[in-house]
N, C-alpha and C. Protein backbone atom coordinates (compact mmCIF):
# COMPACT_ATOMS: atom_id res chain seq x y z
N MET A 1 -5.30 36.02 61.39
CA MET A 1 -4.03 35.88 61.38
C MET A 1 -4.06 34.05 61.31
N LEU A 2 -3.79 33.53 60.06
CA LEU A 2 -3.93 32.22 59.97
C LEU A 2 -2.00 31.13 59.51
N LYS A 3 -1.75 30.50 60.63
CA LYS A 3 -0.42 30.16 60.14
C LYS A 3 -0.34 28.47 60.17
N LEU A 4 0.01 28.12 58.99
CA LEU A 4 -0.06 26.62 58.66
C LEU A 4 1.12 26.16 58.52
N ASP A 5 1.64 24.63 58.98
CA ASP A 5 2.99 24.03 58.89
C ASP A 5 2.87 22.85 57.94
N PHE A 6 3.28 22.79 57.07
CA PHE A 6 3.64 21.89 55.92
C PHE A 6 4.69 20.72 56.54
N PHE A 7 4.47 19.75 56.15
CA PHE A 7 5.49 18.65 56.60
C PHE A 7 5.66 17.82 55.37
N LEU A 8 6.99 17.34 55.27
CA LEU A 8 6.86 16.26 53.69
C LEU A 8 7.43 14.96 54.92
N LEU A 9 6.84 14.19 53.81
CA LEU A 9 6.80 12.75 54.65
C LEU A 9 8.21 12.06 54.07
N LYS A 10 8.83 11.20 55.14
CA LYS A 10 9.66 10.38 54.97
C LYS A 10 8.96 8.84 55.13
N ASN A 11 10.25 8.18 54.69
CA ASN A 11 9.57 6.79 54.27
C ASN A 11 10.03 6.03 55.32
N ASP A 12 9.52 6.48 56.80
CA ASP A 12 9.56 5.27 58.04
C ASP A 12 7.75 5.20 58.63
N GLU A 13 8.31 4.76 59.44
CA GLU A 13 7.15 3.65 60.38
C GLU A 13 6.32 4.93 60.60
N PHE A 14 7.18 6.08 61.38
CA PHE A 14 6.09 7.11 62.41
C PHE A 14 5.42 7.92 61.15
N ASP A 15 5.81 8.31 59.92
CA ASP A 15 5.49 8.99 58.84
C ASP A 15 4.17 8.59 58.39
N LYS A 16 4.54 7.12 57.88
CA LYS A 16 3.39 6.26 57.45
C LYS A 16 2.06 6.26 58.17
N SER A 17 2.52 6.31 59.87
CA SER A 17 1.30 6.25 60.25
C SER A 17 0.74 7.28 60.44
N ARG A 18 1.29 9.07 60.45
CA ARG A 18 0.76 9.95 60.31
C ARG A 18 0.31 10.39 59.01
N PHE A 19 0.47 10.18 58.59
CA PHE A 19 0.05 10.02 57.32
C PHE A 19 -1.63 9.13 56.97
N GLN A 20 -1.59 8.09 57.81
CA GLN A 20 -2.59 7.07 57.70
C GLN A 20 -3.86 8.21 58.42
N ARG A 21 -3.29 8.42 59.40
CA ARG A 21 -4.43 9.14 60.40
C ARG A 21 -4.64 10.34 60.64
N ARG A 22 -4.35 10.98 59.30
CA ARG A 22 -4.87 12.30 59.24
C ARG A 22 -5.84 12.60 59.09
N LYS A 23 -6.76 13.74 59.33
CA LYS A 23 -7.99 14.16 59.49
C LYS A 23 -8.86 15.24 58.47
N THR A 24 -9.51 14.84 57.58
CA THR A 24 -9.95 15.63 56.58
C THR A 24 -11.18 16.70 57.38
N LEU A 25 -10.82 17.73 57.49
CA LEU A 25 -12.05 18.50 57.91
C LEU A 25 -12.24 19.82 56.78
N ASN A 26 -13.89 20.26 56.97
CA ASN A 26 -14.40 21.00 55.91
C ASN A 26 -14.30 23.07 56.95
N ILE A 27 -13.44 23.45 56.81
CA ILE A 27 -13.28 24.83 57.18
C ILE A 27 -13.33 25.83 56.26
N PHE A 28 -14.56 27.05 56.91
CA PHE A 28 -14.78 27.99 55.91
C PHE A 28 -14.89 27.22 54.43
N GLY A 29 -15.58 26.23 53.99
CA GLY A 29 -16.19 25.33 52.81
C GLY A 29 -14.93 25.12 52.49
N GLN A 30 -13.90 24.75 52.74
CA GLN A 30 -12.96 24.15 52.34
C GLN A 30 -12.43 22.85 52.70
N LYS A 31 -12.43 21.89 52.39
CA LYS A 31 -11.74 20.80 52.73
C LYS A 31 -9.99 21.13 53.57
N MET A 32 -9.73 21.00 54.22
CA MET A 32 -8.22 20.76 54.81
C MET A 32 -7.93 19.75 55.70
N THR A 33 -6.46 19.04 55.37
CA THR A 33 -6.25 18.13 55.87
C THR A 33 -5.33 18.37 56.94
N PHE A 34 -5.47 17.64 58.27
CA PHE A 34 -4.70 18.28 59.32
C PHE A 34 -4.13 16.96 59.57
N ALA A 35 -2.96 17.03 60.58
CA ALA A 35 -2.56 15.96 61.70
C ALA A 35 -2.95 15.71 62.68
N SER A 36 -3.34 14.50 63.10
CA SER A 36 -3.93 14.19 64.49
C SER A 36 -3.57 14.50 65.52
N LEU A 37 -4.16 14.53 66.64
CA LEU A 37 -3.82 15.67 67.54
C LEU A 37 -2.68 14.89 68.04
N GLU A 38 -2.64 13.46 68.75
CA GLU A 38 -1.19 12.87 68.83
C GLU A 38 -0.33 12.85 68.30
N ASP A 39 -0.50 12.90 66.85
CA ASP A 39 1.02 13.28 65.78
C ASP A 39 1.24 14.78 66.05
N THR A 40 0.29 15.65 65.98
CA THR A 40 0.81 16.62 66.88
C THR A 40 1.84 16.68 67.87
N ILE A 41 1.27 16.61 68.63
CA ILE A 41 2.28 16.59 69.48
C ILE A 41 3.21 16.01 69.80
N LEU A 42 3.62 14.46 68.90
CA LEU A 42 4.95 13.65 69.19
C LEU A 42 5.94 14.45 67.76
N ILE A 43 5.63 15.05 66.82
CA ILE A 43 6.04 16.00 65.93
C ILE A 43 6.58 16.98 66.66
N LYS A 44 6.13 17.86 67.54
CA LYS A 44 6.30 18.68 68.32
C LYS A 44 7.94 18.36 69.08
N LEU A 45 7.38 17.30 69.82
CA LEU A 45 8.36 16.41 70.72
C LEU A 45 9.95 16.12 69.72
N LEU A 46 9.70 15.95 68.69
CA LEU A 46 10.21 15.46 67.74
C LEU A 46 11.74 17.00 67.50
N TRP A 47 10.65 17.36 67.16
CA TRP A 47 11.43 19.14 66.66
C TRP A 47 12.17 19.63 68.19
N TYR A 48 11.61 19.55 69.06
CA TYR A 48 12.24 19.87 70.12
C TYR A 48 13.61 18.97 70.32
N LYS A 49 13.55 18.07 70.50
CA LYS A 49 14.52 17.18 70.69
C LYS A 49 15.78 17.62 69.42
N ASP A 50 15.30 17.97 68.11
CA ASP A 50 15.97 18.42 67.16
C ASP A 50 16.77 19.71 67.29
N THR A 51 15.76 20.50 67.79
CA THR A 51 16.43 22.25 67.98
C THR A 51 16.36 22.76 69.29
N LYS A 52 16.13 22.25 69.82
CA LYS A 52 16.29 22.43 71.67
C LYS A 52 15.10 23.86 71.64
N ILE A 53 14.45 23.94 70.84
CA ILE A 53 13.84 25.14 71.13
C ILE A 53 12.39 25.00 71.77
N GLU A 54 12.30 25.93 72.94
CA GLU A 54 11.38 25.51 73.89
C GLU A 54 9.97 25.50 73.49
N LYS A 55 9.13 26.20 72.39
CA LYS A 55 8.10 26.36 71.71
C LYS A 55 7.61 25.07 71.65
N HIS A 56 8.40 24.46 71.21
CA HIS A 56 8.23 23.36 70.57
C HIS A 56 7.62 22.49 71.55
N LEU A 57 8.24 22.20 72.60
CA LEU A 57 7.75 21.50 73.69
C LEU A 57 6.57 22.54 74.45
N ILE A 58 6.31 23.33 74.78
CA ILE A 58 5.37 24.07 75.41
C ILE A 58 4.44 24.03 74.39
N ASP A 59 4.57 24.20 73.13
CA ASP A 59 3.11 23.67 72.07
C ASP A 59 2.69 22.01 72.67
N ALA A 60 3.76 21.62 72.42
CA ALA A 60 3.11 20.10 72.69
C ALA A 60 2.16 19.54 74.02
N ALA A 61 2.79 20.61 74.99
CA ALA A 61 1.83 20.60 76.36
C ALA A 61 0.97 21.53 76.30
N PHE A 62 0.80 21.98 75.58
CA PHE A 62 -0.59 22.93 75.38
C PHE A 62 -1.34 22.00 74.45
N VAL A 63 -1.28 21.34 73.40
CA VAL A 63 -1.79 20.33 72.75
C VAL A 63 -2.44 19.29 73.75
N TYR A 64 -1.67 18.89 74.43
CA TYR A 64 -1.63 17.95 75.36
C TYR A 64 -2.78 18.15 76.31
N GLN A 65 -2.69 18.90 77.28
CA GLN A 65 -3.35 20.08 77.90
C GLN A 65 -4.96 20.39 77.62
N ILE A 66 -5.13 20.59 77.02
CA ILE A 66 -6.43 21.01 75.94
C ILE A 66 -7.44 20.03 75.67
N GLN A 67 -6.53 18.75 74.88
CA GLN A 67 -7.13 17.62 74.13
C GLN A 67 -7.22 16.59 74.78
N LYS A 68 -6.41 16.48 76.05
CA LYS A 68 -5.74 15.11 76.87
C LYS A 68 -7.59 14.03 77.10
N ALA A 69 -8.28 14.63 76.70
CA ALA A 69 -9.80 13.62 77.11
C ALA A 69 -9.44 13.39 75.91
N ASN A 70 -9.37 13.95 74.75
CA ASN A 70 -9.58 13.37 73.33
C ASN A 70 -8.54 12.98 72.64
N LEU A 71 -7.67 12.09 73.32
CA LEU A 71 -6.48 11.72 72.85
C LEU A 71 -6.46 10.41 73.25
N ASP A 72 -5.81 9.39 71.78
CA ASP A 72 -5.38 7.90 71.68
C ASP A 72 -4.24 8.01 73.36
N LYS A 73 -4.26 7.92 73.68
CA LYS A 73 -3.10 7.85 74.89
C LYS A 73 -2.27 6.65 74.52
N SER A 74 -2.80 5.24 74.60
CA SER A 74 -2.21 4.14 74.21
C SER A 74 -1.18 4.31 72.67
N TYR A 75 -1.61 4.96 71.96
CA TYR A 75 -1.28 5.07 70.44
C TYR A 75 0.29 6.34 70.64
N LEU A 76 0.06 7.38 71.26
CA LEU A 76 0.83 8.44 71.62
C LEU A 76 1.98 8.28 72.98
N LEU A 77 1.46 7.07 73.83
CA LEU A 77 2.60 6.42 74.31
C LEU A 77 3.01 5.54 73.54
N GLY A 78 2.90 4.89 72.79
CA GLY A 78 3.85 3.82 71.93
C GLY A 78 4.52 4.53 71.41
N TRP A 79 4.20 5.68 70.49
CA TRP A 79 5.04 6.38 69.32
C TRP A 79 6.01 6.82 70.79
N VAL A 80 5.86 7.17 71.75
CA VAL A 80 6.94 8.19 72.24
C VAL A 80 7.68 7.07 72.77
N GLU A 81 7.66 5.81 73.62
CA GLU A 81 8.71 4.80 73.79
C GLU A 81 9.49 4.36 72.28
N ASN A 82 9.14 4.47 71.20
CA ASN A 82 9.51 4.10 69.60
C ASN A 82 10.25 4.89 69.45
N ILE A 83 9.79 6.52 69.63
CA ILE A 83 10.96 7.45 69.32
C ILE A 83 11.92 7.97 70.07
N THR A 84 12.06 7.55 71.25
CA THR A 84 12.66 7.91 72.29
C THR A 84 13.66 6.79 72.43
N LEU A 85 13.28 5.47 71.97
CA LEU A 85 14.33 4.29 71.77
C LEU A 85 15.36 4.60 71.04
N LYS A 86 14.92 5.17 69.69
CA LYS A 86 15.66 5.53 68.40
C LYS A 86 16.18 6.67 68.35
N THR A 87 15.71 7.93 68.89
CA THR A 87 16.03 8.90 68.62
C THR A 87 16.50 10.23 69.80
N PHE A 88 16.38 9.55 70.72
CA PHE A 88 16.94 10.87 71.97
C PHE A 88 18.09 10.04 72.73
């Protein structure tokens, strides 16, 4: 089973940044574009803020735990602070 999430871009700085940082990978012979690890964590945190559905918080924590050695932590922390000041 394969589950895909699709995102509509908003005209804000965070979504512009997410779009610029996307990754294109070759999966099963097909080029597919994915959000960066950091942006996946950030969007899950925003979804949790909006919905209070704990699964989003757990997903963000799992991505962080599994990928923490590969994360751009300065990018992640910068947006957490930026998003926190504006939306939480």
